[in-house]
N, C-alpha and C. Protein backbone atom coordinates (compact mmCIF):
# COMPACT_ATOMS: atom_id res chain seq x y z
N MET A 1 -25.18 -8.72 -4.93
CA MET A 1 -24.05 -8.28 -4.12
C MET A 1 -22.75 -8.83 -4.70
N PRO A 2 -21.68 -8.02 -4.69
CA PRO A 2 -20.41 -8.53 -5.21
C PRO A 2 -19.85 -9.63 -4.32
N ALA A 3 -19.12 -10.55 -4.94
CA ALA A 3 -18.54 -11.65 -4.18
C ALA A 3 -17.38 -11.18 -3.31
N LEU A 4 -16.74 -10.07 -3.69
CA LEU A 4 -15.57 -9.58 -2.98
C LEU A 4 -15.98 -8.58 -1.90
N THR A 5 -15.41 -8.76 -0.72
CA THR A 5 -15.62 -7.82 0.37
C THR A 5 -14.27 -7.43 0.94
N LEU A 6 -14.04 -6.12 1.07
CA LEU A 6 -12.79 -5.62 1.63
C LEU A 6 -13.07 -4.93 2.95
N TYR A 7 -12.39 -5.36 4.00
CA TYR A 7 -12.45 -4.71 5.31
C TYR A 7 -11.22 -3.82 5.46
N GLY A 8 -11.45 -2.55 5.77
CA GLY A 8 -10.33 -1.64 5.93
C GLY A 8 -10.76 -0.39 6.66
N ILE A 9 -9.86 0.60 6.71
CA ILE A 9 -10.21 1.92 7.23
C ILE A 9 -9.72 2.96 6.24
N PRO A 10 -10.37 4.12 6.18
CA PRO A 10 -10.11 5.08 5.11
C PRO A 10 -8.67 5.62 5.06
N LEU A 11 -8.00 5.76 6.20
CA LEU A 11 -6.67 6.35 6.21
C LEU A 11 -5.54 5.32 6.12
N SER A 12 -5.88 4.07 6.04
CA SER A 12 -4.86 3.01 6.01
C SER A 12 -4.28 2.83 4.61
N GLY A 13 -2.96 2.98 4.50
CA GLY A 13 -2.31 2.71 3.23
C GLY A 13 -2.35 1.25 2.85
N HIS A 14 -2.33 0.36 3.85
CA HIS A 14 -2.43 -1.07 3.56
C HIS A 14 -3.79 -1.39 2.94
N SER A 15 -4.84 -0.81 3.48
CA SER A 15 -6.17 -1.01 2.89
C SER A 15 -6.23 -0.39 1.50
N HIS A 16 -5.62 0.79 1.37
CA HIS A 16 -5.73 1.50 0.10
C HIS A 16 -5.07 0.75 -1.04
N ARG A 17 -3.90 0.14 -0.78
CA ARG A 17 -3.24 -0.54 -1.91
C ARG A 17 -4.10 -1.66 -2.47
N VAL A 18 -4.87 -2.33 -1.60
CA VAL A 18 -5.79 -3.36 -2.08
C VAL A 18 -6.96 -2.72 -2.83
N GLU A 19 -7.52 -1.66 -2.27
CA GLU A 19 -8.65 -1.00 -2.93
C GLU A 19 -8.22 -0.44 -4.28
N LEU A 20 -7.03 0.15 -4.35
CA LEU A 20 -6.50 0.64 -5.62
C LEU A 20 -6.42 -0.48 -6.65
N PHE A 21 -5.91 -1.63 -6.24
CA PHE A 21 -5.76 -2.73 -7.19
C PHE A 21 -7.11 -3.28 -7.63
N LEU A 22 -8.07 -3.32 -6.73
CA LEU A 22 -9.42 -3.74 -7.12
C LEU A 22 -9.97 -2.81 -8.20
N HIS A 23 -9.70 -1.51 -8.08
CA HIS A 23 -10.14 -0.56 -9.10
C HIS A 23 -9.40 -0.78 -10.40
N LEU A 24 -8.09 -0.97 -10.32
CA LEU A 24 -7.30 -1.17 -11.54
C LEU A 24 -7.74 -2.42 -12.29
N LEU A 25 -8.16 -3.43 -11.55
CA LEU A 25 -8.65 -4.67 -12.17
C LEU A 25 -10.12 -4.60 -12.56
N ARG A 26 -10.78 -3.47 -12.26
CA ARG A 26 -12.19 -3.26 -12.59
C ARG A 26 -13.09 -4.30 -11.92
N LEU A 27 -12.78 -4.59 -10.66
CA LEU A 27 -13.57 -5.57 -9.92
C LEU A 27 -14.55 -4.86 -8.99
N ASP A 28 -15.77 -5.35 -8.95
CA ASP A 28 -16.76 -4.84 -8.01
C ASP A 28 -16.49 -5.44 -6.63
N TYR A 29 -16.70 -4.65 -5.60
CA TYR A 29 -16.47 -5.14 -4.25
C TYR A 29 -17.31 -4.33 -3.26
N GLU A 30 -17.53 -4.92 -2.11
CA GLU A 30 -18.17 -4.22 -1.00
C GLU A 30 -17.09 -3.80 -0.02
N TYR A 31 -17.14 -2.55 0.43
CA TYR A 31 -16.16 -2.05 1.39
C TYR A 31 -16.83 -1.94 2.76
N ILE A 32 -16.22 -2.54 3.76
CA ILE A 32 -16.72 -2.47 5.13
C ILE A 32 -15.66 -1.82 6.01
N GLU A 33 -16.03 -0.71 6.62
CA GLU A 33 -15.07 -0.02 7.48
C GLU A 33 -14.90 -0.81 8.77
N ALA A 34 -13.64 -1.03 9.13
CA ALA A 34 -13.31 -1.88 10.28
C ALA A 34 -12.47 -1.10 11.28
N GLN A 35 -13.12 -0.22 12.02
CA GLN A 35 -12.41 0.51 13.06
C GLN A 35 -12.07 -0.43 14.22
N LYS A 36 -11.30 0.08 15.18
CA LYS A 36 -10.69 -0.79 16.19
C LYS A 36 -11.72 -1.58 16.99
N ASP A 37 -12.83 -0.96 17.37
CA ASP A 37 -13.80 -1.69 18.17
C ASP A 37 -14.35 -2.89 17.41
N PHE A 38 -14.56 -2.72 16.10
CA PHE A 38 -15.03 -3.85 15.29
C PHE A 38 -13.93 -4.89 15.14
N ARG A 39 -12.68 -4.46 14.98
CA ARG A 39 -11.57 -5.40 14.82
C ARG A 39 -11.31 -6.20 16.09
N ASP A 40 -11.77 -5.70 17.22
CA ASP A 40 -11.64 -6.44 18.47
C ASP A 40 -12.79 -7.42 18.71
N SER A 41 -13.77 -7.41 17.83
CA SER A 41 -14.95 -8.25 18.03
C SER A 41 -14.66 -9.70 17.64
N PRO A 42 -15.38 -10.65 18.23
CA PRO A 42 -15.21 -12.06 17.84
C PRO A 42 -15.46 -12.29 16.35
N ALA A 43 -16.41 -11.57 15.78
CA ALA A 43 -16.72 -11.76 14.36
C ALA A 43 -15.52 -11.43 13.49
N TYR A 44 -14.83 -10.32 13.82
CA TYR A 44 -13.67 -9.95 12.99
C TYR A 44 -12.48 -10.85 13.30
N ARG A 45 -12.31 -11.20 14.58
CA ARG A 45 -11.18 -12.07 14.92
C ARG A 45 -11.34 -13.45 14.29
N ALA A 46 -12.55 -13.82 13.95
CA ALA A 46 -12.75 -15.07 13.21
C ALA A 46 -12.20 -14.95 11.78
N LEU A 47 -12.22 -13.73 11.25
CA LEU A 47 -11.66 -13.50 9.92
C LEU A 47 -10.14 -13.39 9.98
N ASN A 48 -9.64 -12.64 10.96
CA ASN A 48 -8.20 -12.48 11.14
C ASN A 48 -7.91 -12.45 12.63
N PRO A 49 -7.40 -13.53 13.17
CA PRO A 49 -7.13 -13.59 14.61
C PRO A 49 -6.17 -12.51 15.10
N LEU A 50 -5.34 -11.96 14.22
CA LEU A 50 -4.42 -10.89 14.61
C LEU A 50 -5.11 -9.53 14.69
N GLY A 51 -6.34 -9.44 14.17
CA GLY A 51 -7.10 -8.20 14.26
C GLY A 51 -6.62 -7.11 13.33
N GLN A 52 -5.81 -7.45 12.34
CA GLN A 52 -5.24 -6.44 11.45
C GLN A 52 -6.13 -6.22 10.22
N ILE A 53 -5.86 -5.10 9.55
CA ILE A 53 -6.47 -4.81 8.27
C ILE A 53 -5.37 -4.70 7.22
N PRO A 54 -5.75 -4.93 5.97
CA PRO A 54 -7.06 -5.29 5.45
C PRO A 54 -7.32 -6.79 5.53
N VAL A 55 -8.58 -7.12 5.33
CA VAL A 55 -9.00 -8.50 5.11
C VAL A 55 -9.85 -8.51 3.86
N LEU A 56 -9.64 -9.48 3.01
CA LEU A 56 -10.44 -9.65 1.79
C LEU A 56 -11.19 -10.96 1.87
N LYS A 57 -12.50 -10.92 1.58
CA LYS A 57 -13.29 -12.13 1.42
C LYS A 57 -13.66 -12.26 -0.06
N ASP A 58 -13.43 -13.43 -0.60
CA ASP A 58 -13.85 -13.74 -1.96
C ASP A 58 -14.66 -15.02 -1.89
N GLY A 59 -15.98 -14.87 -1.79
CA GLY A 59 -16.81 -16.04 -1.53
C GLY A 59 -16.49 -16.59 -0.15
N ASP A 60 -16.09 -17.86 -0.10
CA ASP A 60 -15.74 -18.50 1.17
C ASP A 60 -14.28 -18.29 1.56
N LEU A 61 -13.49 -17.74 0.66
CA LEU A 61 -12.07 -17.53 0.93
C LEU A 61 -11.87 -16.25 1.73
N VAL A 62 -11.05 -16.33 2.77
CA VAL A 62 -10.70 -15.17 3.59
C VAL A 62 -9.19 -15.02 3.58
N LEU A 63 -8.72 -13.81 3.23
CA LEU A 63 -7.28 -13.54 3.17
C LEU A 63 -6.96 -12.29 3.96
N ALA A 64 -5.86 -12.33 4.70
CA ALA A 64 -5.32 -11.17 5.38
C ALA A 64 -3.94 -10.86 4.79
N ASP A 65 -3.41 -9.68 5.12
CA ASP A 65 -2.12 -9.18 4.67
C ASP A 65 -2.25 -8.58 3.26
N SER A 66 -1.96 -7.28 3.18
CA SER A 66 -2.22 -6.57 1.93
C SER A 66 -1.42 -7.12 0.75
N ASN A 67 -0.14 -7.44 0.96
CA ASN A 67 0.66 -7.95 -0.16
C ASN A 67 0.19 -9.33 -0.59
N ALA A 68 -0.19 -10.16 0.37
CA ALA A 68 -0.73 -11.48 0.01
C ALA A 68 -2.02 -11.33 -0.77
N ILE A 69 -2.84 -10.37 -0.39
CA ILE A 69 -4.10 -10.13 -1.12
C ILE A 69 -3.81 -9.66 -2.54
N LEU A 70 -2.82 -8.78 -2.70
CA LEU A 70 -2.46 -8.33 -4.05
C LEU A 70 -2.05 -9.51 -4.93
N VAL A 71 -1.23 -10.39 -4.38
CA VAL A 71 -0.78 -11.56 -5.15
C VAL A 71 -1.97 -12.43 -5.53
N TYR A 72 -2.86 -12.66 -4.60
CA TYR A 72 -4.05 -13.47 -4.91
C TYR A 72 -4.88 -12.84 -6.01
N LEU A 73 -5.16 -11.55 -5.90
CA LEU A 73 -5.99 -10.89 -6.90
C LEU A 73 -5.35 -10.94 -8.28
N ALA A 74 -4.03 -10.76 -8.33
CA ALA A 74 -3.34 -10.83 -9.62
C ALA A 74 -3.44 -12.22 -10.22
N LYS A 75 -3.20 -13.23 -9.39
CA LYS A 75 -3.25 -14.61 -9.89
C LYS A 75 -4.67 -15.04 -10.26
N ARG A 76 -5.63 -14.53 -9.51
CA ARG A 76 -7.02 -14.97 -9.71
C ARG A 76 -7.72 -14.20 -10.81
N TYR A 77 -7.43 -12.91 -10.96
CA TYR A 77 -8.27 -12.08 -11.82
C TYR A 77 -7.52 -11.38 -12.96
N ASP A 78 -6.20 -11.47 -13.01
CA ASP A 78 -5.46 -10.85 -14.11
C ASP A 78 -5.08 -11.92 -15.12
N ALA A 79 -5.93 -12.10 -16.11
CA ALA A 79 -5.72 -13.18 -17.07
C ALA A 79 -4.43 -13.01 -17.87
N GLY A 80 -3.99 -11.77 -18.05
CA GLY A 80 -2.80 -11.55 -18.85
C GLY A 80 -1.50 -11.63 -18.09
N ASP A 81 -1.56 -11.84 -16.78
CA ASP A 81 -0.36 -11.94 -15.94
C ASP A 81 0.52 -10.70 -16.03
N SER A 82 -0.07 -9.55 -16.34
CA SER A 82 0.76 -8.35 -16.47
C SER A 82 1.15 -7.77 -15.11
N TRP A 83 0.30 -7.90 -14.12
CA TRP A 83 0.59 -7.31 -12.81
C TRP A 83 1.55 -8.14 -11.99
N LEU A 84 1.58 -9.45 -12.22
CA LEU A 84 2.54 -10.34 -11.58
C LEU A 84 3.08 -11.28 -12.64
N PRO A 85 4.16 -10.88 -13.31
CA PRO A 85 4.66 -11.65 -14.46
C PRO A 85 5.03 -13.08 -14.09
N GLN A 86 4.89 -13.97 -15.07
CA GLN A 86 5.26 -15.36 -14.87
C GLN A 86 6.76 -15.58 -15.01
N ASP A 87 7.43 -14.76 -15.79
CA ASP A 87 8.87 -14.90 -15.98
C ASP A 87 9.58 -14.87 -14.62
N PRO A 88 10.48 -15.81 -14.36
CA PRO A 88 11.12 -15.89 -13.03
C PRO A 88 11.85 -14.62 -12.62
N VAL A 89 12.58 -14.01 -13.54
CA VAL A 89 13.33 -12.80 -13.20
C VAL A 89 12.36 -11.65 -12.91
N ALA A 90 11.37 -11.47 -13.76
CA ALA A 90 10.39 -10.39 -13.55
C ALA A 90 9.62 -10.61 -12.26
N ALA A 91 9.23 -11.86 -11.98
CA ALA A 91 8.51 -12.15 -10.74
C ALA A 91 9.37 -11.85 -9.53
N ALA A 92 10.66 -12.17 -9.60
CA ALA A 92 11.58 -11.89 -8.50
C ALA A 92 11.73 -10.39 -8.28
N ARG A 93 11.76 -9.62 -9.37
CA ARG A 93 11.86 -8.17 -9.24
C ARG A 93 10.63 -7.59 -8.56
N VAL A 94 9.47 -8.11 -8.91
CA VAL A 94 8.25 -7.66 -8.23
C VAL A 94 8.32 -8.01 -6.74
N GLN A 95 8.74 -9.24 -6.43
CA GLN A 95 8.82 -9.67 -5.03
C GLN A 95 9.77 -8.78 -4.23
N ARG A 96 10.86 -8.38 -4.85
CA ARG A 96 11.79 -7.50 -4.15
C ARG A 96 11.09 -6.22 -3.68
N TRP A 97 10.26 -5.65 -4.56
CA TRP A 97 9.56 -4.41 -4.20
C TRP A 97 8.44 -4.65 -3.20
N LEU A 98 7.82 -5.82 -3.23
CA LEU A 98 6.85 -6.14 -2.20
C LEU A 98 7.54 -6.20 -0.83
N SER A 99 8.77 -6.71 -0.81
CA SER A 99 9.53 -6.75 0.44
C SER A 99 9.92 -5.35 0.89
N ILE A 100 10.29 -4.49 -0.06
CA ILE A 100 10.62 -3.11 0.29
C ILE A 100 9.39 -2.38 0.82
N ALA A 101 8.23 -2.65 0.23
CA ALA A 101 6.99 -2.04 0.71
C ALA A 101 6.71 -2.44 2.15
N ALA A 102 6.97 -3.71 2.48
CA ALA A 102 6.71 -4.22 3.83
C ALA A 102 7.85 -3.91 4.79
N GLY A 103 9.00 -3.50 4.26
CA GLY A 103 10.17 -3.24 5.09
C GLY A 103 10.49 -1.77 5.18
N GLU A 104 11.35 -1.30 4.27
CA GLU A 104 11.84 0.08 4.35
C GLU A 104 10.74 1.13 4.23
N ILE A 105 9.79 0.92 3.32
CA ILE A 105 8.71 1.91 3.18
C ILE A 105 7.80 1.88 4.40
N MET A 106 7.49 0.69 4.90
CA MET A 106 6.63 0.59 6.07
C MET A 106 7.28 1.23 7.30
N HIS A 107 8.56 0.99 7.51
CA HIS A 107 9.23 1.48 8.72
C HIS A 107 9.85 2.86 8.53
N GLY A 108 9.77 3.38 7.30
CA GLY A 108 10.27 4.72 7.03
C GLY A 108 9.14 5.71 6.85
N PRO A 109 8.75 6.02 5.62
CA PRO A 109 7.70 7.02 5.41
C PRO A 109 6.35 6.66 6.02
N ALA A 110 5.98 5.38 5.98
CA ALA A 110 4.69 4.99 6.57
C ALA A 110 4.71 5.18 8.08
N ALA A 111 5.81 4.80 8.72
CA ALA A 111 5.92 4.96 10.18
C ALA A 111 5.90 6.42 10.57
N ALA A 112 6.59 7.27 9.81
CA ALA A 112 6.58 8.70 10.11
C ALA A 112 5.17 9.27 10.00
N ARG A 113 4.42 8.82 9.02
CA ARG A 113 3.04 9.28 8.85
C ARG A 113 2.18 8.85 10.03
N VAL A 114 2.30 7.58 10.43
CA VAL A 114 1.50 7.09 11.56
C VAL A 114 1.85 7.86 12.83
N MET A 115 3.14 8.12 13.05
CA MET A 115 3.54 8.87 14.24
C MET A 115 2.93 10.27 14.24
N THR A 116 2.86 10.88 13.07
CA THR A 116 2.25 12.20 12.98
C THR A 116 0.76 12.14 13.24
N LEU A 117 0.09 11.13 12.68
CA LEU A 117 -1.35 11.00 12.86
C LEU A 117 -1.72 10.63 14.30
N PHE A 118 -0.86 9.81 14.93
CA PHE A 118 -1.10 9.48 16.33
C PHE A 118 -0.75 10.64 17.24
N GLY A 119 0.28 11.39 16.87
CA GLY A 119 0.73 12.47 17.73
C GLY A 119 1.44 11.97 18.97
N ALA A 120 1.90 10.74 18.97
CA ALA A 120 2.59 10.18 20.14
C ALA A 120 3.69 9.24 19.67
N ALA A 121 4.93 9.72 19.70
CA ALA A 121 6.07 8.88 19.35
C ALA A 121 7.31 9.47 20.00
N SER A 122 8.22 8.60 20.40
CA SER A 122 9.46 9.09 20.99
C SER A 122 10.31 9.76 19.93
N GLU A 123 11.12 10.70 20.34
CA GLU A 123 11.99 11.40 19.38
C GLU A 123 12.96 10.44 18.70
N PRO A 124 13.57 9.48 19.42
CA PRO A 124 14.43 8.52 18.72
C PRO A 124 13.70 7.71 17.66
N ALA A 125 12.46 7.31 17.95
CA ALA A 125 11.69 6.53 16.97
C ALA A 125 11.38 7.36 15.74
N ARG A 126 11.01 8.60 15.95
CA ARG A 126 10.72 9.47 14.80
C ARG A 126 11.97 9.76 14.00
N THR A 127 13.08 9.98 14.68
CA THR A 127 14.34 10.24 13.98
C THR A 127 14.74 9.04 13.12
N ALA A 128 14.56 7.84 13.68
CA ALA A 128 14.90 6.62 12.92
C ALA A 128 14.00 6.47 11.71
N ALA A 129 12.70 6.74 11.86
CA ALA A 129 11.77 6.62 10.74
C ALA A 129 12.10 7.64 9.65
N MET A 130 12.42 8.86 10.05
CA MET A 130 12.75 9.89 9.06
C MET A 130 14.04 9.55 8.32
N ALA A 131 15.01 9.01 9.04
CA ALA A 131 16.27 8.64 8.40
C ALA A 131 16.06 7.51 7.39
N LEU A 132 15.27 6.51 7.78
CA LEU A 132 15.00 5.40 6.87
C LEU A 132 14.19 5.88 5.67
N ALA A 133 13.25 6.81 5.90
CA ALA A 133 12.47 7.37 4.80
C ALA A 133 13.41 8.04 3.79
N GLY A 134 14.36 8.81 4.28
CA GLY A 134 15.30 9.46 3.38
C GLY A 134 16.11 8.46 2.57
N ARG A 135 16.53 7.36 3.21
CA ARG A 135 17.33 6.37 2.50
C ARG A 135 16.53 5.66 1.42
N VAL A 136 15.31 5.24 1.76
CA VAL A 136 14.54 4.48 0.77
C VAL A 136 14.08 5.38 -0.37
N LEU A 137 13.72 6.62 -0.09
CA LEU A 137 13.30 7.52 -1.17
C LEU A 137 14.47 7.88 -2.07
N THR A 138 15.65 8.04 -1.49
CA THR A 138 16.85 8.29 -2.31
C THR A 138 17.15 7.09 -3.19
N PHE A 139 17.00 5.89 -2.64
CA PHE A 139 17.19 4.67 -3.42
C PHE A 139 16.19 4.60 -4.57
N MET A 140 14.92 4.89 -4.28
CA MET A 140 13.90 4.83 -5.32
C MET A 140 14.14 5.90 -6.39
N GLU A 141 14.57 7.08 -5.99
CA GLU A 141 14.87 8.15 -6.95
C GLU A 141 15.94 7.70 -7.93
N ALA A 142 17.02 7.10 -7.42
CA ALA A 142 18.09 6.64 -8.31
C ALA A 142 17.59 5.52 -9.22
N HIS A 143 16.77 4.63 -8.68
CA HIS A 143 16.25 3.51 -9.45
C HIS A 143 15.35 3.99 -10.59
N LEU A 144 14.61 5.06 -10.36
CA LEU A 144 13.62 5.53 -11.33
C LEU A 144 14.16 6.56 -12.32
N LYS A 145 15.41 6.91 -12.22
CA LYS A 145 15.96 7.92 -13.14
C LYS A 145 15.94 7.47 -14.59
N ASP A 146 16.09 6.17 -14.84
CA ASP A 146 16.14 5.69 -16.22
C ASP A 146 15.06 4.65 -16.50
N ARG A 147 13.98 4.67 -15.73
CA ARG A 147 12.88 3.73 -15.98
C ARG A 147 11.57 4.37 -15.53
N SER A 148 10.48 3.88 -16.08
CA SER A 148 9.17 4.44 -15.77
C SER A 148 8.48 3.75 -14.61
N TRP A 149 8.76 2.45 -14.44
CA TRP A 149 8.08 1.65 -13.42
C TRP A 149 9.11 0.92 -12.58
N LEU A 150 8.71 0.45 -11.42
CA LEU A 150 9.67 -0.10 -10.47
C LEU A 150 10.28 -1.43 -10.90
N ALA A 151 9.47 -2.34 -11.44
CA ALA A 151 9.95 -3.71 -11.64
C ALA A 151 9.95 -4.18 -13.08
N ALA A 152 9.28 -3.46 -13.98
CA ALA A 152 9.15 -3.93 -15.36
C ALA A 152 8.93 -2.73 -16.28
N GLU A 153 8.67 -3.01 -17.55
CA GLU A 153 8.43 -1.95 -18.51
C GLU A 153 7.00 -1.41 -18.43
N ALA A 154 6.17 -2.07 -17.65
CA ALA A 154 4.78 -1.66 -17.45
C ALA A 154 4.48 -1.75 -15.96
N PRO A 155 3.39 -1.16 -15.49
CA PRO A 155 3.09 -1.23 -14.06
C PRO A 155 2.83 -2.65 -13.60
N THR A 156 3.26 -2.94 -12.38
CA THR A 156 3.08 -4.25 -11.76
C THR A 156 2.62 -4.06 -10.31
N LEU A 157 2.49 -5.18 -9.61
CA LEU A 157 2.16 -5.11 -8.19
C LEU A 157 3.20 -4.31 -7.41
N ALA A 158 4.42 -4.25 -7.91
CA ALA A 158 5.45 -3.46 -7.23
C ALA A 158 5.02 -2.01 -7.09
N ASP A 159 4.47 -1.45 -8.15
CA ASP A 159 4.04 -0.05 -8.13
C ASP A 159 2.81 0.14 -7.25
N VAL A 160 1.90 -0.83 -7.28
CA VAL A 160 0.69 -0.74 -6.44
C VAL A 160 1.07 -0.80 -4.97
N ALA A 161 1.96 -1.72 -4.61
CA ALA A 161 2.32 -1.92 -3.21
C ALA A 161 3.09 -0.74 -2.64
N CYS A 162 3.90 -0.09 -3.46
CA CYS A 162 4.78 0.98 -2.96
C CYS A 162 4.16 2.36 -3.06
N TYR A 163 3.14 2.54 -3.86
CA TYR A 163 2.64 3.88 -4.16
C TYR A 163 2.14 4.64 -2.94
N THR A 164 1.22 4.07 -2.17
CA THR A 164 0.42 4.86 -1.23
C THR A 164 1.26 5.56 -0.17
N TYR A 165 2.10 4.81 0.52
CA TYR A 165 2.85 5.42 1.61
C TYR A 165 3.93 6.37 1.11
N VAL A 166 4.40 6.17 -0.12
CA VAL A 166 5.33 7.14 -0.69
C VAL A 166 4.58 8.42 -1.07
N ALA A 167 3.44 8.28 -1.73
CA ALA A 167 2.66 9.46 -2.14
C ALA A 167 2.24 10.29 -0.94
N HIS A 168 1.96 9.63 0.18
CA HIS A 168 1.47 10.33 1.37
C HIS A 168 2.55 10.56 2.41
N ALA A 169 3.80 10.38 2.01
CA ALA A 169 4.91 10.64 2.93
C ALA A 169 4.89 12.06 3.50
N PRO A 170 4.52 13.09 2.73
CA PRO A 170 4.49 14.44 3.31
C PRO A 170 3.58 14.57 4.52
N GLU A 171 2.58 13.71 4.66
CA GLU A 171 1.71 13.76 5.84
C GLU A 171 2.47 13.39 7.11
N GLY A 172 3.63 12.77 6.94
CA GLY A 172 4.49 12.45 8.07
C GLY A 172 5.68 13.38 8.18
N GLY A 173 5.66 14.46 7.42
CA GLY A 173 6.76 15.41 7.47
C GLY A 173 7.92 15.06 6.57
N VAL A 174 7.73 14.09 5.67
CA VAL A 174 8.78 13.67 4.74
C VAL A 174 8.55 14.37 3.41
N THR A 175 9.44 15.26 3.02
CA THR A 175 9.26 16.00 1.78
C THR A 175 9.64 15.16 0.57
N LEU A 176 8.91 15.35 -0.52
CA LEU A 176 9.23 14.67 -1.79
C LEU A 176 9.90 15.61 -2.78
N SER A 177 10.13 16.86 -2.40
CA SER A 177 10.67 17.84 -3.34
C SER A 177 12.05 17.48 -3.89
N PRO A 178 12.93 16.77 -3.15
CA PRO A 178 14.23 16.45 -3.74
C PRO A 178 14.21 15.29 -4.74
N TYR A 179 13.05 14.73 -5.04
CA TYR A 179 12.98 13.49 -5.79
C TYR A 179 12.12 13.64 -7.05
N PRO A 180 12.61 14.29 -8.10
CA PRO A 180 11.79 14.53 -9.29
C PRO A 180 11.41 13.24 -10.03
N ALA A 181 12.32 12.28 -10.12
CA ALA A 181 11.99 11.02 -10.80
C ALA A 181 10.92 10.26 -10.03
N LEU A 182 11.02 10.31 -8.72
CA LEU A 182 10.01 9.66 -7.87
C LEU A 182 8.65 10.32 -8.04
N ARG A 183 8.62 11.64 -8.08
CA ARG A 183 7.35 12.35 -8.24
C ARG A 183 6.75 12.09 -9.62
N ALA A 184 7.60 11.93 -10.63
CA ALA A 184 7.10 11.60 -11.96
C ALA A 184 6.49 10.20 -11.97
N TRP A 185 7.09 9.28 -11.23
CA TRP A 185 6.52 7.93 -11.11
C TRP A 185 5.17 7.97 -10.41
N LEU A 186 5.06 8.73 -9.34
CA LEU A 186 3.77 8.87 -8.66
C LEU A 186 2.70 9.38 -9.62
N ALA A 187 3.07 10.36 -10.46
CA ALA A 187 2.12 10.91 -11.43
C ALA A 187 1.70 9.84 -12.44
N ARG A 188 2.63 8.97 -12.82
CA ARG A 188 2.27 7.90 -13.77
C ARG A 188 1.29 6.92 -13.13
N VAL A 189 1.51 6.59 -11.89
CA VAL A 189 0.56 5.71 -11.20
C VAL A 189 -0.82 6.38 -11.15
N GLU A 190 -0.84 7.65 -10.81
CA GLU A 190 -2.11 8.38 -10.68
C GLU A 190 -2.82 8.56 -12.02
N ALA A 191 -2.09 8.40 -13.11
CA ALA A 191 -2.70 8.51 -14.44
C ALA A 191 -3.24 7.18 -14.96
N LEU A 192 -3.05 6.10 -14.21
CA LEU A 192 -3.56 4.80 -14.66
C LEU A 192 -5.09 4.82 -14.72
N PRO A 193 -5.67 4.14 -15.70
CA PRO A 193 -7.14 4.09 -15.78
C PRO A 193 -7.75 3.53 -14.50
N ARG A 194 -8.78 4.21 -14.02
CA ARG A 194 -9.53 3.81 -12.82
C ARG A 194 -8.71 3.96 -11.54
N PHE A 195 -7.65 4.77 -11.58
CA PHE A 195 -6.90 5.05 -10.36
C PHE A 195 -7.83 5.59 -9.28
N LYS A 196 -7.62 5.13 -8.06
CA LYS A 196 -8.37 5.63 -6.90
C LYS A 196 -7.37 6.08 -5.85
N GLY A 197 -7.44 7.32 -5.45
CA GLY A 197 -6.52 7.85 -4.46
C GLY A 197 -6.95 7.55 -3.04
N LEU A 198 -6.02 7.76 -2.12
CA LEU A 198 -6.30 7.66 -0.69
C LEU A 198 -6.66 9.05 -0.18
N VAL A 199 -7.68 9.12 0.65
CA VAL A 199 -8.06 10.40 1.23
C VAL A 199 -6.88 10.95 2.03
N ALA A 200 -6.57 12.22 1.83
CA ALA A 200 -5.47 12.84 2.57
C ALA A 200 -5.91 13.11 4.00
N SER A 201 -4.99 12.89 4.92
CA SER A 201 -5.32 13.17 6.32
C SER A 201 -5.38 14.67 6.53
N ARG A 202 -6.14 15.07 7.51
CA ARG A 202 -6.27 16.47 7.89
C ARG A 202 -5.76 16.66 9.30
N PRO A 203 -5.38 17.87 9.68
CA PRO A 203 -4.97 18.07 11.06
C PRO A 203 -6.06 17.60 12.01
N GLY A 204 -5.65 16.81 12.97
CA GLY A 204 -6.63 16.27 13.91
C GLY A 204 -7.07 14.87 13.58
N ASP A 205 -6.82 14.40 12.34
CA ASP A 205 -7.14 13.01 12.01
C ASP A 205 -6.25 12.08 12.83
N ARG A 206 -6.78 10.97 13.24
CA ARG A 206 -6.01 9.99 13.98
C ARG A 206 -6.36 8.60 13.48
N LEU A 207 -5.34 7.80 13.24
CA LEU A 207 -5.57 6.40 12.94
C LEU A 207 -5.81 5.66 14.25
N THR A 208 -6.64 4.61 14.22
CA THR A 208 -6.78 3.76 15.38
C THR A 208 -5.73 2.67 15.30
N PRO A 209 -5.07 2.34 16.42
CA PRO A 209 -3.97 1.38 16.35
C PRO A 209 -4.43 -0.02 16.03
């Protein structure tokens, strides 16, 4: 059995970014689906008292929070330090995008997608998410006009952390058609060796909160 175990759900972008990185690093792992009833159980709350996904187990080590897991995997398993550079400036640039992934992308395109999948959101909340989605995607489009990757000359954790919710923004009603540089970046991520995509939601799919 592999030492690594990932707890997640199939439609979660947070789970997917970790699963994608495990594939990019060519690491074997066991995937355990953690729907809400399981996340409410004492066994899961022992892993993460907040009941959130994803959770990664590596032997006796238990980690929660997708970006924290990405950092751990890069430090633990990327011998060349390419995914999380050691150089202070490059590392800071990666961290900036991890913050954007947890901030503007999470509360913009990711929030719009969740609202669509849940089918229950106030109009002001949806309007705010759509507006933020437009701002962050416009920012990313301008940033990517003269570069191939978000934080460096090669792919880093910045690209892994930001990819999923941007690629699946149309599932929340956010169009990517005005952003050719952004779409070209998505294609570059998808062309990486061992890339693993996130299953697209279908009408009627619902995430569990």
